[in-house]
Amino acid sequence: MGNRITEDPWYKELVRALIKSNPKRLARISAGKGSKFDKMAAYAISEAINNVNIGTSSPEVREVITKKIIDSIETDTAWERMGDTYCGRSTFYAYRKRFMKLIAINIGAIQDTTTKSVLRRTDTPGKGIE
């Protein structure tokens, strides 16, 4: 039980809403009209994109997988309809789940109670959200 992440059933809907509204959020930030929440949400998503643990893939494959994950969340598209994702169905959904949980943790919606992070990359140092 010590390696479980505390989940509230609503965090997935929160993450979906954050991802769907991210392009408009980034436009507001670029225009200098972004709120404190806009900046926090954009940071949480950016940190998840850069730091989610999706194995030891090359940067090109990693970029494709994260884009497919974001597209899957935005459009609620099943893996079977995503095209080439460079991974199998169960692996894709495991990565997607890690990605969503990392955004929820970064935004402060849920607590990461894992003793060893399985969500974050370990191959590159990240500055973290602490």
Protein backbone atom coordinates (compact mmCIF):
# COMPACT_ATOMS: atom_id res chain seq x y z
CA MET A 1 0.00 0.00 0.00
CA GLY A 2 2.95 2.38 0.49
CA ASN A 3 3.53 2.60 -3.27
CA ARG A 4 0.01 3.59 -4.21
CA ILE A 5 -1.01 7.02 -5.38
CA THR A 6 -3.96 8.60 -3.62
CA GLU A 7 -6.62 9.04 -6.29
CA ASP A 8 -9.75 11.09 -6.25
CA PRO A 9 -12.17 10.01 -8.96
CA TRP A 10 -12.37 13.52 -10.41
CA TYR A 11 -8.68 14.04 -11.19
CA LYS A 12 -8.94 12.50 -14.67
CA GLU A 13 -11.66 14.95 -15.66
CA LEU A 14 -9.58 17.81 -14.29
CA VAL A 15 -6.56 16.70 -16.34
CA ARG A 16 -8.70 16.33 -19.48
CA ALA A 17 -10.03 19.87 -19.02
CA LEU A 18 -6.52 21.22 -18.45
CA ILE A 19 -5.18 19.55 -21.59
CA LYS A 20 -8.13 20.56 -23.77
CA SER A 21 -7.79 24.20 -22.73
CA ASN A 22 -3.99 24.32 -22.91
CA PRO A 23 -3.69 25.90 -26.42
CA LYS A 24 -5.87 28.85 -25.37
CA ARG A 25 -4.00 29.06 -22.07
CA LEU A 26 -0.64 29.23 -23.84
CA ALA A 27 -1.98 31.96 -26.15
CA ARG A 28 -3.07 34.02 -23.12
CA ILE A 29 0.34 33.56 -21.50
CA SER A 30 2.11 34.59 -24.73
CA ALA A 31 -0.07 37.69 -24.95
CA GLY A 32 0.82 38.60 -21.36
CA LYS A 33 -2.75 38.02 -20.15
CA GLY A 34 -2.24 34.68 -18.44
CA SER A 35 -3.42 34.32 -14.86
CA LYS A 36 -1.46 32.69 -12.08
CA PHE A 37 -3.54 29.54 -12.61
CA ASP A 38 -2.79 29.60 -16.36
CA LYS A 39 0.93 29.64 -15.62
CA MET A 40 0.63 26.91 -13.00
CA ALA A 41 -1.42 24.65 -15.30
CA ALA A 42 0.91 25.21 -18.27
CA TYR A 43 3.88 24.42 -16.05
CA ALA A 44 2.23 21.23 -14.76
CA ILE A 45 1.57 20.01 -18.31
CA SER A 46 5.03 20.99 -19.54
CA GLU A 47 6.68 19.20 -16.61
CA ALA A 48 4.64 16.08 -17.32
CA ILE A 49 5.57 16.15 -21.01
CA ASN A 50 9.27 16.49 -20.18
CA ASN A 51 9.44 14.17 -17.17
CA VAL A 52 6.89 11.38 -17.52
CA ASN A 53 8.48 7.95 -17.37
CA ILE A 54 7.80 6.28 -20.71
CA GLY A 55 10.72 3.92 -20.75
CA THR A 56 14.08 4.38 -22.38
CA SER A 57 12.89 5.52 -25.78
CA SER A 58 14.75 7.86 -28.09
CA PRO A 59 13.78 11.56 -28.03
CA GLU A 60 11.95 11.21 -31.36
CA VAL A 61 9.90 8.23 -30.19
CA ARG A 62 9.26 9.92 -26.85
CA GLU A 63 7.90 12.99 -28.64
CA VAL A 64 5.58 10.87 -30.79
CA ILE A 65 4.29 8.93 -27.78
CA THR A 66 3.62 12.07 -25.69
CA LYS A 67 1.83 13.73 -28.62
CA LYS A 68 -0.29 10.60 -29.09
CA ILE A 69 -1.07 10.57 -25.36
CA ILE A 70 -2.14 14.21 -25.44
CA ASP A 71 -4.22 13.63 -28.58
CA SER A 72 -5.83 10.60 -26.96
CA ILE A 73 -6.78 12.64 -23.89
CA GLU A 74 -8.00 15.66 -25.89
CA THR A 75 -10.16 13.71 -28.32
CA ASP A 76 -10.88 10.63 -26.19
CA THR A 77 -9.54 8.49 -29.03
CA ALA A 78 -8.88 4.81 -28.37
CA TRP A 79 -5.41 3.35 -28.92
CA GLU A 80 -6.77 1.26 -31.79
CA ARG A 81 -7.53 4.45 -33.74
CA MET A 82 -4.31 6.33 -32.91
CA GLY A 83 -2.09 4.96 -35.67
CA ASP A 84 1.53 4.10 -34.90
CA THR A 85 2.21 4.73 -31.21
CA TYR A 86 5.50 2.79 -31.02
CA CYS A 87 4.09 0.67 -28.19
CA GLY A 88 1.39 -1.86 -27.49
CA ARG A 89 -2.07 -1.13 -26.17
CA SER A 90 -1.48 -1.90 -22.49
CA THR A 91 1.85 -0.05 -22.50
CA PHE A 92 0.24 3.00 -24.12
CA TYR A 93 -2.50 3.13 -21.49
CA ALA A 94 0.06 2.67 -18.69
CA TYR A 95 2.02 5.66 -20.07
CA ARG A 96 -1.18 7.67 -20.43
CA LYS A 97 -2.17 6.91 -16.84
CA ARG A 98 1.29 7.97 -15.59
CA PHE A 99 1.07 11.17 -17.66
CA MET A 100 -2.35 12.08 -16.27
CA LYS A 101 -1.31 11.33 -12.69
CA LEU A 102 1.85 13.40 -13.05
CA ILE A 103 -0.17 16.41 -14.24
CA ALA A 104 -2.58 15.96 -11.32
CA ILE A 105 0.35 15.76 -8.89
CA ASN A 106 2.06 18.79 -10.46
CA ILE A 107 -1.10 20.87 -10.21
CA GLY A 108 -1.62 19.76 -6.60
CA ALA A 109 -4.87 17.86 -7.18
CA ILE A 110 -3.59 14.58 -5.74
CA GLN A 111 -0.69 13.58 -3.53
CA ASP A 112 2.17 11.41 -4.74
CA THR A 113 2.58 8.92 -1.94
CA THR A 114 4.94 6.60 -3.78
CA THR A 115 8.17 5.77 -2.02
CA LYS A 116 9.93 5.41 -5.36
CA SER A 117 8.68 7.46 -8.27
CA VAL A 118 7.53 5.32 -11.14
CA LEU A 119 5.96 8.33 -12.80
CA ARG A 120 9.01 10.49 -13.48
CA ARG A 121 11.98 9.94 -15.74
CA THR A 122 15.21 8.99 -14.09
CA ASP A 123 17.49 9.30 -17.12
CA THR A 124 17.61 13.11 -17.12
CA PRO A 125 17.68 15.44 -14.15
CA GLY A 126 14.55 17.54 -13.78
CA LYS A 127 14.07 20.55 -11.62
CA GLY A 128 10.78 19.22 -10.21
CA ILE A 129 7.87 21.15 -8.83
CA GLU A 130 8.83 21.28 -5.17
